[in-house]
PDB file of all heavy atoms in Angstrom:
ATOM      1  N   ILE A   1     106.555-168.191  84.775  1.00  0.00           N
ATOM      2  CA  ILE A   1     107.413-167.541  85.696  1.00  0.00           C
ATOM      3  C   ILE A   1     108.762-166.976  85.077  1.00  0.00           C
ATOM      4  O   ILE A   1     109.028-165.836  85.419  1.00  0.00           O
ATOM      5  CB  ILE A   1     107.878-168.698  86.865  1.00  0.00           C
ATOM      6  CG1 ILE A   1     106.794-169.088  87.733  1.00  0.00           C
ATOM      7  CG2 ILE A   1     109.057-168.041  87.626  1.00  0.00           C
ATOM      8  CD1 ILE A   1     106.122-167.947  88.554  1.00  0.00           C
ATOM      9  N   ASP A   2     109.225-167.689  84.126  1.00  0.00           N
ATOM     10  CA  ASP A   2     110.458-167.235  83.403  1.00  0.00           C
ATOM     11  C   ASP A   2     110.082-165.940  82.613  1.00  0.00           C
ATOM     12  O   ASP A   2     110.839-165.027  82.550  1.00  0.00           O
ATOM     13  CB  ASP A   2     110.895-168.263  82.461  1.00  0.00           C
ATOM     14  CG  ASP A   2     111.464-169.515  83.192  1.00  0.00           C
ATOM     15  OD1 ASP A   2     111.902-169.307  84.381  1.00  0.00           O
ATOM     16  OD2 ASP A   2     111.650-170.530  82.553  1.00  0.00           O
ATOM     17  N   GLN A   3     108.961-165.990  81.925  1.00  0.00           N
ATOM     18  CA  GLN A   3     108.457-164.789  81.198  1.00  0.00           C
ATOM     19  C   GLN A   3     108.244-163.589  82.047  1.00  0.00           C
ATOM     20  O   GLN A   3     108.622-162.500  81.745  1.00  0.00           O
ATOM     21  CB  GLN A   3     107.189-165.172  80.342  1.00  0.00           C
ATOM     22  CG  GLN A   3     107.433-166.170  79.241  1.00  0.00           C
ATOM     23  CD  GLN A   3     106.113-166.538  78.564  1.00  0.00           C
ATOM     24  OE1 GLN A   3     105.010-166.191  79.043  1.00  0.00           O
ATOM     25  NE2 GLN A   3     106.260-167.408  77.492  1.00  0.00           N
ATOM     26  N   ALA A   4     107.556-163.895  83.188  1.00  0.00           N
ATOM     27  CA  ALA A   4     107.317-162.763  84.206  1.00  0.00           C
ATOM     28  C   ALA A   4     108.547-162.148  84.799  1.00  0.00           C
ATOM     29  O   ALA A   4     108.635-160.881  84.961  1.00  0.00           O
ATOM     30  CB  ALA A   4     106.363-163.238  85.299  1.00  0.00           C
ATOM     31  N   ALA A   5     109.544-163.099  85.025  1.00  0.00           N
ATOM     32  CA  ALA A   5     110.896-162.719  85.593  1.00  0.00           C
ATOM     33  C   ALA A   5     111.550-161.780  84.543  1.00  0.00           C
ATOM     34  O   ALA A   5     112.198-160.787  84.991  1.00  0.00           O
ATOM     35  CB  ALA A   5     111.583-163.885  85.982  1.00  0.00           C
ATOM     36  N   SER A   6     111.519-162.132  83.262  1.00  0.00           N
ATOM     37  CA  SER A   6     112.178-161.340  82.215  1.00  0.00           C
ATOM     38  C   SER A   6     111.614-159.998  82.154  1.00  0.00           C
ATOM     39  O   SER A   6     112.479-158.973  82.039  1.00  0.00           O
ATOM     40  CB  SER A   6     112.039-162.037  80.920  1.00  0.00           C
ATOM     41  OG  SER A   6     112.726-163.330  80.946  1.00  0.00           O
ATOM     42  N   ARG A   7     110.323-159.896  82.154  1.00  0.00           N
ATOM     43  CA  ARG A   7     109.692-158.578  82.137  1.00  0.00           C
ATOM     44  C   ARG A   7     110.015-157.679  83.305  1.00  0.00           C
ATOM     45  O   ARG A   7     110.337-156.442  83.280  1.00  0.00           O
ATOM     46  CB  ARG A   7     108.184-158.687  81.910  1.00  0.00           C
ATOM     47  CG  ARG A   7     107.638-159.261  80.756  1.00  0.00           C
ATOM     48  CD  ARG A   7     106.100-159.113  80.570  1.00  0.00           C
ATOM     49  NE  ARG A   7     105.426-159.871  81.581  1.00  0.00           N
ATOM     50  CZ  ARG A   7     105.007-161.143  81.459  1.00  0.00           C
ATOM     51  NH1 ARG A   7     105.284-161.859  80.269  1.00  0.00           N
ATOM     52  NH2 ARG A   7     104.341-161.783  82.447  1.00  0.00           N
ATOM     53  N   LYS A   8     110.064-158.374  84.472  1.00  0.00           N
ATOM     54  CA  LYS A   8     110.291-157.697  85.728  1.00  0.00           C
ATOM     55  C   LYS A   8     111.719-157.256  85.763  1.00  0.00           C
ATOM     56  O   LYS A   8     112.139-156.094  86.341  1.00  0.00           O
ATOM     57  CB  LYS A   8     110.058-158.504  86.974  1.00  0.00           C
ATOM     58  CG  LYS A   8     110.076-157.834  88.271  1.00  0.00           C
ATOM     59  CD  LYS A   8     109.133-156.585  88.369  1.00  0.00           C
ATOM     60  CE  LYS A   8     107.698-156.969  88.251  1.00  0.00           C
ATOM     61  NZ  LYS A   8     106.785-155.824  88.364  1.00  0.00           N
ATOM     62  N   LEU A   9     112.664-158.058  85.160  1.00  0.00           N
ATOM     63  CA  LEU A   9     114.118-157.629  85.167  1.00  0.00           C
ATOM     64  C   LEU A   9     114.296-156.272  84.358  1.00  0.00           C
ATOM     65  O   LEU A   9     115.064-155.396  84.770  1.00  0.00           O
ATOM     66  CB  LEU A   9     115.049-158.775  84.620  1.00  0.00           C
ATOM     67  CG  LEU A   9     115.330-159.859  85.518  1.00  0.00           C
ATOM     68  CD1 LEU A   9     115.943-161.099  84.838  1.00  0.00           C
ATOM     69  CD2 LEU A   9     116.309-159.332  86.594  1.00  0.00           C
ATOM     70  N   VAL A  10     113.644-156.150  83.257  1.00  0.00           N
ATOM     71  CA  VAL A  10     113.671-154.930  82.411  1.00  0.00           C
ATOM     72  C   VAL A  10     113.128-153.830  83.169  1.00  0.00           C
ATOM     73  O   VAL A  10     113.808-152.740  83.172  1.00  0.00           O
ATOM     74  CB  VAL A  10     112.829-155.284  81.066  1.00  0.00           C
ATOM     75  CG1 VAL A  10     112.713-153.917  80.337  1.00  0.00           C
ATOM     76  CG2 VAL A  10     113.380-156.298  80.312  1.00  0.00           C
ATOM     77  N   GLU A  11     112.132-153.918  83.925  1.00  0.00           N
ATOM     78  CA  GLU A  11     111.566-152.832  84.710  1.00  0.00           C
ATOM     79  C   GLU A  11     112.376-152.421  85.734  1.00  0.00           C
ATOM     80  O   GLU A  11     112.663-151.223  86.065  1.00  0.00           O
ATOM     81  CB  GLU A  11     110.135-153.167  85.305  1.00  0.00           C
ATOM     82  CG  GLU A  11     109.100-153.460  84.349  1.00  0.00           C
ATOM     83  CD  GLU A  11     107.770-154.000  84.979  1.00  0.00           C
ATOM     84  OE1 GLU A  11     107.759-153.778  86.268  1.00  0.00           O
ATOM     85  OE2 GLU A  11     106.903-154.563  84.309  1.00  0.00           O
ATOM     86  N   LEU A  12     113.110-153.361  86.447  1.00  0.00           N
ATOM     87  CA  LEU A  12     113.921-153.034  87.558  1.00  0.00           C
ATOM     88  C   LEU A  12     115.340-152.318  87.204  1.00  0.00           C
ATOM     89  O   LEU A  12     115.773-151.378  87.772  1.00  0.00           O
ATOM     90  CB  LEU A  12     114.229-154.276  88.374  1.00  0.00           C
ATOM     91  CG  LEU A  12     113.136-154.957  89.298  1.00  0.00           C
ATOM     92  CD1 LEU A  12     113.614-156.158  89.886  1.00  0.00           C
ATOM     93  CD2 LEU A  12     112.771-153.900  90.352  1.00  0.00           C
ATOM     94  N   ARG A  13     115.889-152.819  86.032  1.00  0.00           N
ATOM     95  CA  ARG A  13     117.088-152.197  85.472  1.00  0.00           C
ATOM     96  C   ARG A  13     116.758-150.880  85.033  1.00  0.00           C
ATOM     97  O   ARG A  13     117.687-149.900  85.326  1.00  0.00           O
ATOM     98  CB  ARG A  13     117.647-153.027  84.277  1.00  0.00           C
ATOM     99  CG  ARG A  13     118.225-154.408  84.926  1.00  0.00           C
ATOM    100  CD  ARG A  13     118.464-155.348  83.822  1.00  0.00           C
ATOM    101  NE  ARG A  13     119.155-156.628  84.343  1.00  0.00           N
ATOM    102  CZ  ARG A  13     119.032-157.840  83.718  1.00  0.00           C
ATOM    103  NH1 ARG A  13     118.386-157.909  82.568  1.00  0.00           N
ATOM    104  NH2 ARG A  13     119.609-158.829  84.244  1.00  0.00           N
ATOM    105  N   LYS A  14     115.683-150.655  84.479  1.00  0.00           N
ATOM    106  CA  LYS A  14     115.258-149.284  84.117  1.00  0.00           C
ATOM    107  C   LYS A  14     115.118-148.344  85.271  1.00  0.00           C
ATOM    108  O   LYS A  14     115.518-147.204  85.298  1.00  0.00           O
ATOM    109  CB  LYS A  14     114.021-149.288  83.217  1.00  0.00           C
ATOM    110  CG  LYS A  14     113.703-148.030  82.663  1.00  0.00           C
ATOM    111  CD  LYS A  14     112.308-148.056  81.838  1.00  0.00           C
ATOM    112  CE  LYS A  14     111.846-146.756  81.294  1.00  0.00           C
ATOM    113  NZ  LYS A  14     110.582-146.890  80.459  1.00  0.00           N
ATOM    114  N   GLN A  15     114.436-148.829  86.316  1.00  0.00           N
ATOM    115  CA  GLN A  15     114.168-148.105  87.586  1.00  0.00           C
ATOM    116  C   GLN A  15     115.492-147.732  88.307  1.00  0.00           C
ATOM    117  O   GLN A  15     115.705-146.720  88.838  1.00  0.00           O
ATOM    118  CB  GLN A  15     113.246-148.852  88.519  1.00  0.00           C
ATOM    119  CG  GLN A  15     112.901-148.295  89.832  1.00  0.00           C
ATOM    120  CD  GLN A  15     112.121-149.119  90.738  1.00  0.00           C
ATOM    121  OE1 GLN A  15     111.615-150.229  90.348  1.00  0.00           O
ATOM    122  NE2 GLN A  15     112.061-148.710  91.956  1.00  0.00           N
ATOM    123  N   LYS A  16     116.456-148.729  88.250  1.00  0.00           N
ATOM    124  CA  LYS A  16     117.733-148.570  88.881  1.00  0.00           C
ATOM    125  C   LYS A  16     118.520-147.371  88.300  1.00  0.00           C
ATOM    126  O   LYS A  16     119.142-146.542  88.963  1.00  0.00           O
ATOM    127  CB  LYS A  16     118.573-149.850  88.825  1.00  0.00           C
ATOM    128  CG  LYS A  16     119.935-149.661  89.508  1.00  0.00           C
ATOM    129  CD  LYS A  16     120.757-151.009  89.395  1.00  0.00           C
ATOM    130  CE  LYS A  16     122.139-150.854  90.062  1.00  0.00           C
ATOM    131  NZ  LYS A  16     122.910-152.089  89.935  1.00  0.00           N
ATOM    132  N   ARG A  17     118.460-147.178  86.945  1.00  0.00           N
ATOM    133  CA  ARG A  17     119.168-146.075  86.313  1.00  0.00           C
ATOM    134  C   ARG A  17     118.749-144.652  86.730  1.00  0.00           C
ATOM    135  O   ARG A  17     119.462-143.831  86.673  1.00  0.00           O
ATOM    136  CB  ARG A  17     119.053-146.293  84.787  1.00  0.00           C
ATOM    137  CG  ARG A  17     119.769-147.406  84.147  1.00  0.00           C
ATOM    138  CD  ARG A  17     119.818-147.202  82.629  1.00  0.00           C
ATOM    139  NE  ARG A  17     118.565-147.469  82.041  1.00  0.00           N
ATOM    140  CZ  ARG A  17     118.038-148.559  81.577  1.00  0.00           C
ATOM    141  NH1 ARG A  17     118.710-149.745  81.810  1.00  0.00           N
ATOM    142  NH2 ARG A  17     116.920-148.636  80.926  1.00  0.00           N
ATOM    143  N   THR A  18     117.449-144.560  87.179  1.00  0.00           N
ATOM    144  CA  THR A  18     116.865-143.228  87.647  1.00  0.00           C
ATOM    145  C   THR A  18     116.877-143.169  89.132  1.00  0.00           C
ATOM    146  O   THR A  18     116.619-141.980  89.648  1.00  0.00           O
ATOM    147  CB  THR A  18     115.540-142.946  87.032  1.00  0.00           C
ATOM    148  OG1 THR A  18     114.708-144.150  87.471  1.00  0.00           O
ATOM    149  CG2 THR A  18     115.658-143.076  85.515  1.00  0.00           C
ATOM    150  N   GLU A  19     117.218-144.235  89.879  1.00  0.00           N
ATOM    151  CA  GLU A  19     117.097-144.239  91.391  1.00  0.00           C
ATOM    152  C   GLU A  19     118.338-143.550  91.939  1.00  0.00           C
ATOM    153  O   GLU A  19     119.502-143.731  91.454  1.00  0.00           O
ATOM    154  CB  GLU A  19     116.789-145.606  91.846  1.00  0.00           C
ATOM    155  CG  GLU A  19     116.593-145.644  93.343  1.00  0.00           C
ATOM    156  CD  GLU A  19     115.407-144.792  93.752  1.00  0.00           C
ATOM    157  OE1 GLU A  19     114.154-145.260  93.390  1.00  0.00           O
ATOM    158  OE2 GLU A  19     115.527-143.895  94.413  1.00  0.00           O
ATOM    159  N   THR A  20     118.109-142.717  93.021  1.00  0.00           N
ATOM    160  CA  THR A  20     119.347-142.119  93.656  1.00  0.00           C
ATOM    161  C   THR A  20     119.397-142.529  95.042  1.00  0.00           C
ATOM    162  O   THR A  20     120.496-142.340  95.704  1.00  0.00           O
ATOM    163  CB  THR A  20     119.141-140.597  93.594  1.00  0.00           C
ATOM    164  OG1 THR A  20     117.821-140.126  94.251  1.00  0.00           O
ATOM    165  CG2 THR A  20     119.142-139.981  92.241  1.00  0.00           C
ATOM    166  N   ASP A  21     118.335-143.167  95.687  1.00  0.00           N
ATOM    167  CA  ASP A  21     118.423-143.552  97.063  1.00  0.00           C
ATOM    168  C   ASP A  21     119.221-144.826  97.122  1.00  0.00           C
ATOM    169  O   ASP A  21     118.875-145.867  96.560  1.00  0.00           O
ATOM    170  CB  ASP A  21     117.009-143.806  97.505  1.00  0.00           C
ATOM    171  CG  ASP A  21     116.898-144.068  99.005  1.00  0.00           C
ATOM    172  OD1 ASP A  21     117.727-144.958  99.533  1.00  0.00           O
ATOM    173  OD2 ASP A  21     116.024-143.392  99.686  1.00  0.00           O
ATOM    174  N   LYS A  22     120.270-144.804  97.942  1.00  0.00           N
ATOM    175  CA  LYS A  22     121.255-145.980  97.940  1.00  0.00           C
ATOM    176  C   LYS A  22     120.504-147.197  98.545  1.00  0.00           C
ATOM    177  O   LYS A  22     120.722-148.418  98.103  1.00  0.00           O
ATOM    178  CB  LYS A  22     122.459-145.619  98.898  1.00  0.00           C
ATOM    179  CG  LYS A  22     123.302-144.647  98.196  1.00  0.00           C
ATOM    180  CD  LYS A  22     124.522-144.503  99.118  1.00  0.00           C
ATOM    181  CE  LYS A  22     125.534-143.418  98.497  1.00  0.00           C
ATOM    182  NZ  LYS A  22     126.788-143.124  99.169  1.00  0.00           N
ATOM    183  N   LYS A  23     119.561-147.036  99.572  1.00  0.00           N
ATOM    184  CA  LYS A  23     118.928-148.094 100.061  1.00  0.00           C
ATOM    185  C   LYS A  23     118.043-148.801  99.187  1.00  0.00           C
ATOM    186  O   LYS A  23     117.932-150.048  99.015  1.00  0.00           O
ATOM    187  CB  LYS A  23     118.170-147.576 101.309  1.00  0.00           C
ATOM    188  CG  LYS A  23     117.428-148.803 102.211  1.00  0.00           C
ATOM    189  CD  LYS A  23     116.811-148.126 103.364  1.00  0.00           C
ATOM    190  CE  LYS A  23     116.124-149.254 104.273  1.00  0.00           C
ATOM    191  NZ  LYS A  23     115.533-148.681 105.403  1.00  0.00           N
ATOM    192  N   LYS A  24     117.344-147.985  98.332  1.00  0.00           N
ATOM    193  CA  LYS A  24     116.451-148.546  97.275  1.00  0.00           C
ATOM    194  C   LYS A  24     117.158-149.262  96.180  1.00  0.00           C
ATOM    195  O   LYS A  24     116.839-150.207  95.673  1.00  0.00           O
ATOM    196  CB  LYS A  24     115.510-147.520  96.781  1.00  0.00           C
ATOM    197  CG  LYS A  24     114.405-146.939  97.643  1.00  0.00           C
ATOM    198  CD  LYS A  24     113.578-145.939  97.024  1.00  0.00           C
ATOM    199  CE  LYS A  24     112.364-145.522  97.954  1.00  0.00           C
ATOM    200  NZ  LYS A  24     111.517-144.427  97.317  1.00  0.00           N
ATOM    201  N   ILE A  25     118.367-148.664  95.814  1.00  0.00           N
ATOM    202  CA  ILE A  25     119.246-149.368  94.840  1.00  0.00           C
ATOM    203  C   ILE A  25     119.684-150.619  95.355  1.00  0.00           C
ATOM    204  O   ILE A  25     119.607-151.601  94.578  1.00  0.00           O
ATOM    205  CB  ILE A  25     120.486-148.442  94.592  1.00  0.00           C
ATOM    206  CG1 ILE A  25     119.975-147.101  93.713  1.00  0.00           C
ATOM    207  CG2 ILE A  25     121.447-149.079  93.664  1.00  0.00           C
ATOM    208  CD1 ILE A  25     121.080-146.063  93.483  1.00  0.00           C
ATOM    209  N   SER A  26     120.021-150.725  96.608  1.00  0.00           N
ATOM    210  CA  SER A  26     120.462-152.034  97.144  1.00  0.00           C
ATOM    211  C   SER A  26     119.324-153.073  97.127  1.00  0.00           C
ATOM    212  O   SER A  26     119.611-154.277  96.822  1.00  0.00           O
ATOM    213  CB  SER A  26     121.018-151.830  98.615  1.00  0.00           C
ATOM    214  OG  SER A  26     121.281-153.047  99.252  1.00  0.00           O
ATOM    215  N   GLN A  27     118.202-152.598  97.466  1.00  0.00           N
ATOM    216  CA  GLN A  27     116.989-153.409  97.381  1.00  0.00           C
ATOM    217  C   GLN A  27     116.677-154.060  95.919  1.00  0.00           C
ATOM    218  O   GLN A  27     116.403-155.129  95.655  1.00  0.00           O
ATOM    219  CB  GLN A  27     115.802-152.685  97.883  1.00  0.00           C
ATOM    220  CG  GLN A  27     114.488-153.542  97.906  1.00  0.00           C
ATOM    221  CD  GLN A  27     114.447-154.656  98.755  1.00  0.00           C
ATOM    222  OE1 GLN A  27     115.362-154.888  99.627  1.00  0.00           O
ATOM    223  NE2 GLN A  27     113.331-155.594  98.684  1.00  0.00           N
ATOM    224  N   ILE A  28     116.824-153.070  94.950  1.00  0.00           N
ATOM    225  CA  ILE A  28     116.679-153.421  93.557  1.00  0.00           C
ATOM    226  C   ILE A  28     117.653-154.452  93.089  1.00  0.00           C
ATOM    227  O   ILE A  28     117.372-155.449  92.490  1.00  0.00           O
ATOM    228  CB  ILE A  28     116.719-152.190  92.623  1.00  0.00           C
ATOM    229  CG1 ILE A  28     115.488-151.314  92.923  1.00  0.00           C
ATOM    230  CG2 ILE A  28     116.756-152.572  91.123  1.00  0.00           C
ATOM    231  CD1 ILE A  28     115.523-149.956  92.190  1.00  0.00           C
ATOM    232  N   ASP A  29     118.982-154.268  93.476  1.00  0.00           N
ATOM    233  CA  ASP A  29     119.978-155.177  93.172  1.00  0.00           C
ATOM    234  C   ASP A  29     119.688-156.581  93.773  1.00  0.00           C
ATOM    235  O   ASP A  29     119.932-157.577  93.147  1.00  0.00           O
ATOM    236  CB  ASP A  29     121.379-154.675  93.645  1.00  0.00           C
ATOM    237  CG  ASP A  29     121.969-153.596  92.928  1.00  0.00           C
ATOM    238  OD1 ASP A  29     121.476-153.404  91.862  1.00  0.00           O
ATOM    239  OD2 ASP A  29     122.738-152.873  93.493  1.00  0.00           O
ATOM    240  N   ARG A  30     119.257-156.659  94.963  1.00  0.00           N
ATOM    241  CA  ARG A  30     118.904-157.941  95.636  1.00  0.00           C
ATOM    242  C   ARG A  30     117.879-158.627  94.754  1.00  0.00           C
ATOM    243  O   ARG A  30     117.932-159.919  94.548  1.00  0.00           O
ATOM    244  CB  ARG A  30     118.379-157.690  97.100  1.00  0.00           C
ATOM    245  CG  ARG A  30     118.068-159.005  97.859  1.00  0.00           C
ATOM    246  CD  ARG A  30     117.634-158.564  99.228  1.00  0.00           C
ATOM    247  NE  ARG A  30     116.257-158.075  99.161  1.00  0.00           N
ATOM    248  CZ  ARG A  30     115.213-158.821  99.128  1.00  0.00           C
ATOM    249  NH1 ARG A  30     115.207-160.098  99.041  1.00  0.00           N
ATOM    250  NH2 ARG A  30     114.014-158.186  99.116  1.00  0.00           N
ATOM    251  N   LEU A  31     116.701-157.937  94.402  1.00  0.00           N
ATOM    252  CA  LEU A  31     115.651-158.549  93.633  1.00  0.00           C
ATOM    253  C   LEU A  31     116.152-158.949  92.224  1.00  0.00           C
ATOM    254  O   LEU A  31     115.768-160.057  91.728  1.00  0.00           O
ATOM    255  CB  LEU A  31     114.566-157.425  93.384  1.00  0.00           C
ATOM    256  CG  LEU A  31     113.798-157.214  94.716  1.00  0.00           C
ATOM    257  CD1 LEU A  31     112.807-156.024  94.529  1.00  0.00           C
ATOM    258  CD2 LEU A  31     112.996-158.410  95.196  1.00  0.00           C
ATOM    259  N   ILE A  32     117.067-158.178  91.579  1.00  0.00           N
ATOM    260  CA  ILE A  32     117.604-158.542  90.288  1.00  0.00           C
ATOM    261  C   ILE A  32     118.354-159.926  90.393  1.00  0.00           C
ATOM    262  O   ILE A  32     118.301-160.755  89.556  1.00  0.00           O
ATOM    263  CB  ILE A  32     118.602-157.433  89.755  1.00  0.00           C
ATOM    264  CG1 ILE A  32     117.700-156.198  89.279  1.00  0.00           C
ATOM    265  CG2 ILE A  32     119.356-157.932  88.653  1.00  0.00           C
ATOM    266  CD1 ILE A  32     118.475-155.078  88.852  1.00  0.00           C
ATOM    267  N   ARG A  33     119.175-159.945  91.553  1.00  0.00           N
ATOM    268  CA  ARG A  33     119.921-161.280  91.700  1.00  0.00           C
ATOM    269  C   ARG A  33     118.952-162.509  91.812  1.00  0.00           C
ATOM    270  O   ARG A  33     119.277-163.554  91.367  1.00  0.00           O
ATOM    271  CB  ARG A  33     120.874-161.149  93.026  1.00  0.00           C
ATOM    272  CG  ARG A  33     122.082-160.248  92.633  1.00  0.00           C
ATOM    273  CD  ARG A  33     123.114-160.399  93.724  1.00  0.00           C
ATOM    274  NE  ARG A  33     122.630-160.046  94.992  1.00  0.00           N
ATOM    275  CZ  ARG A  33     122.529-158.843  95.678  1.00  0.00           C
ATOM    276  NH1 ARG A  33     123.083-157.825  94.843  1.00  0.00           N
ATOM    277  NH2 ARG A  33     122.090-158.639  96.765  1.00  0.00           N
ATOM    278  N   MET A  34     118.028-162.191  92.663  1.00  0.00           N
ATOM    279  CA  MET A  34     116.927-163.211  92.780  1.00  0.00           C
ATOM    280  C   MET A  34     116.253-163.700  91.497  1.00  0.00           C
ATOM    281  O   MET A  34     116.018-164.860  91.150  1.00  0.00           O
ATOM    282  CB  MET A  34     115.931-162.902  93.883  1.00  0.00           C
ATOM    283  CG  MET A  34     116.390-162.826  95.293  1.00  0.00           C
ATOM    284  SD  MET A  34     115.187-162.216  96.467  1.00  0.00           S
ATOM    285  CE  MET A  34     114.170-163.750  96.480  1.00  0.00           C
ATOM    286  N   LEU A  35     115.887-162.737  90.690  1.00  0.00           N
ATOM    287  CA  LEU A  35     115.203-163.057  89.433  1.00  0.00           C
ATOM    288  C   LEU A  35     116.067-163.595  88.481  1.00  0.00           C
ATOM    289  O   LEU A  35     115.647-164.446  87.511  1.00  0.00           O
ATOM    290  CB  LEU A  35     114.609-161.651  88.948  1.00  0.00           C
ATOM    291  CG  LEU A  35     113.494-161.025  89.539  1.00  0.00           C
ATOM    292  CD1 LEU A  35     113.202-159.695  89.127  1.00  0.00           C
ATOM    293  CD2 LEU A  35     112.230-161.894  89.438  1.00  0.00           C
ATOM    294  N   GLU A  36     117.401-163.381  88.517  1.00  0.00           N
ATOM    295  CA  GLU A  36     118.355-164.048  87.636  1.00  0.00           C
ATOM    296  C   GLU A  36     118.638-165.403  88.028  1.00  0.00           C
ATOM    297  O   GLU A  36     119.229-166.273  87.204  1.00  0.00           O
ATOM    298  CB  GLU A  36     119.642-163.284  87.622  1.00  0.00           C
ATOM    299  CG  GLU A  36     119.559-161.924  86.797  1.00  0.00           C
ATOM    300  CD  GLU A  36     120.783-161.116  87.072  1.00  0.00           C
ATOM    301  OE1 GLU A  36     121.548-161.290  87.818  1.00  0.00           O
ATOM    302  OE2 GLU A  36     120.968-160.169  86.125  1.00  0.00           O
ATOM    303  N   SER A  37     118.296-165.853  89.332  1.00  0.00           N
ATOM    304  CA  SER A  37     118.593-167.203  89.890  1.00  0.00           C
ATOM    305  C   SER A  37     117.444-168.001  89.512  1.00  0.00           C
ATOM    306  O   SER A  37     116.146-167.742  89.688  1.00  0.00           O
ATOM    307  CB  SER A  37     118.790-167.184  91.256  1.00  0.00           C
ATOM    308  OG  SER A  37     118.610-168.423  91.889  1.00  0.00           O
ATOM    309  N   GLN A  38     117.635-169.263  88.906  1.00  0.00           N
ATOM    310  CA  GLN A  38     116.436-170.120  88.525  1.00  0.00           C
ATOM    311  C   GLN A  38     115.780-170.652  89.752  1.00  0.00           C
ATOM    312  O   GLN A  38     114.587-171.034  89.625  1.00  0.00           O
ATOM    313  CB  GLN A  38     117.159-171.282  87.657  1.00  0.00           C
ATOM    314  CG  GLN A  38     116.083-172.213  87.026  1.00  0.00           C
ATOM    315  CD  GLN A  38     115.267-171.478  85.899  1.00  0.00           C
ATOM    316  OE1 GLN A  38     115.786-170.593  85.282  1.00  0.00           O
ATOM    317  NE2 GLN A  38     114.080-171.899  85.752  1.00  0.00           N
ATOM    318  N   PHE A  39     116.419-170.675  90.876  1.00  0.00           N
ATOM    319  CA  PHE A  39     115.797-171.159  92.074  1.00  0.00           C
ATOM    320  C   PHE A  39     115.129-170.120  92.918  1.00  0.00           C
ATOM    321  O   PHE A  39     114.207-170.538  93.684  1.00  0.00           O
ATOM    322  CB  PHE A  39     116.877-171.794  93.024  1.00  0.00           C
ATOM    323  CG  PHE A  39     117.774-172.963  92.380  1.00  0.00           C
ATOM    324  CD1 PHE A  39     119.016-172.646  91.888  1.00  0.00           C
ATOM    325  CD2 PHE A  39     117.188-174.171  92.245  1.00  0.00           C
ATOM    326  CE1 PHE A  39     119.689-173.756  91.243  1.00  0.00           C
ATOM    327  CE2 PHE A  39     117.894-175.237  91.632  1.00  0.00           C
ATOM    328  CZ  PHE A  39     119.115-174.979  91.210  1.00  0.00           C
TER     329      PHE A  39
END
């Protein structure tokens, strides 16, 4: 799970840099916070 979460964080942060839709950016931020949380 930790390894998969690390790979997914890299993908999401890269996606966020090119995303312009505010709603999608908010969704990405929510997932990043969840992936950074051990729980």
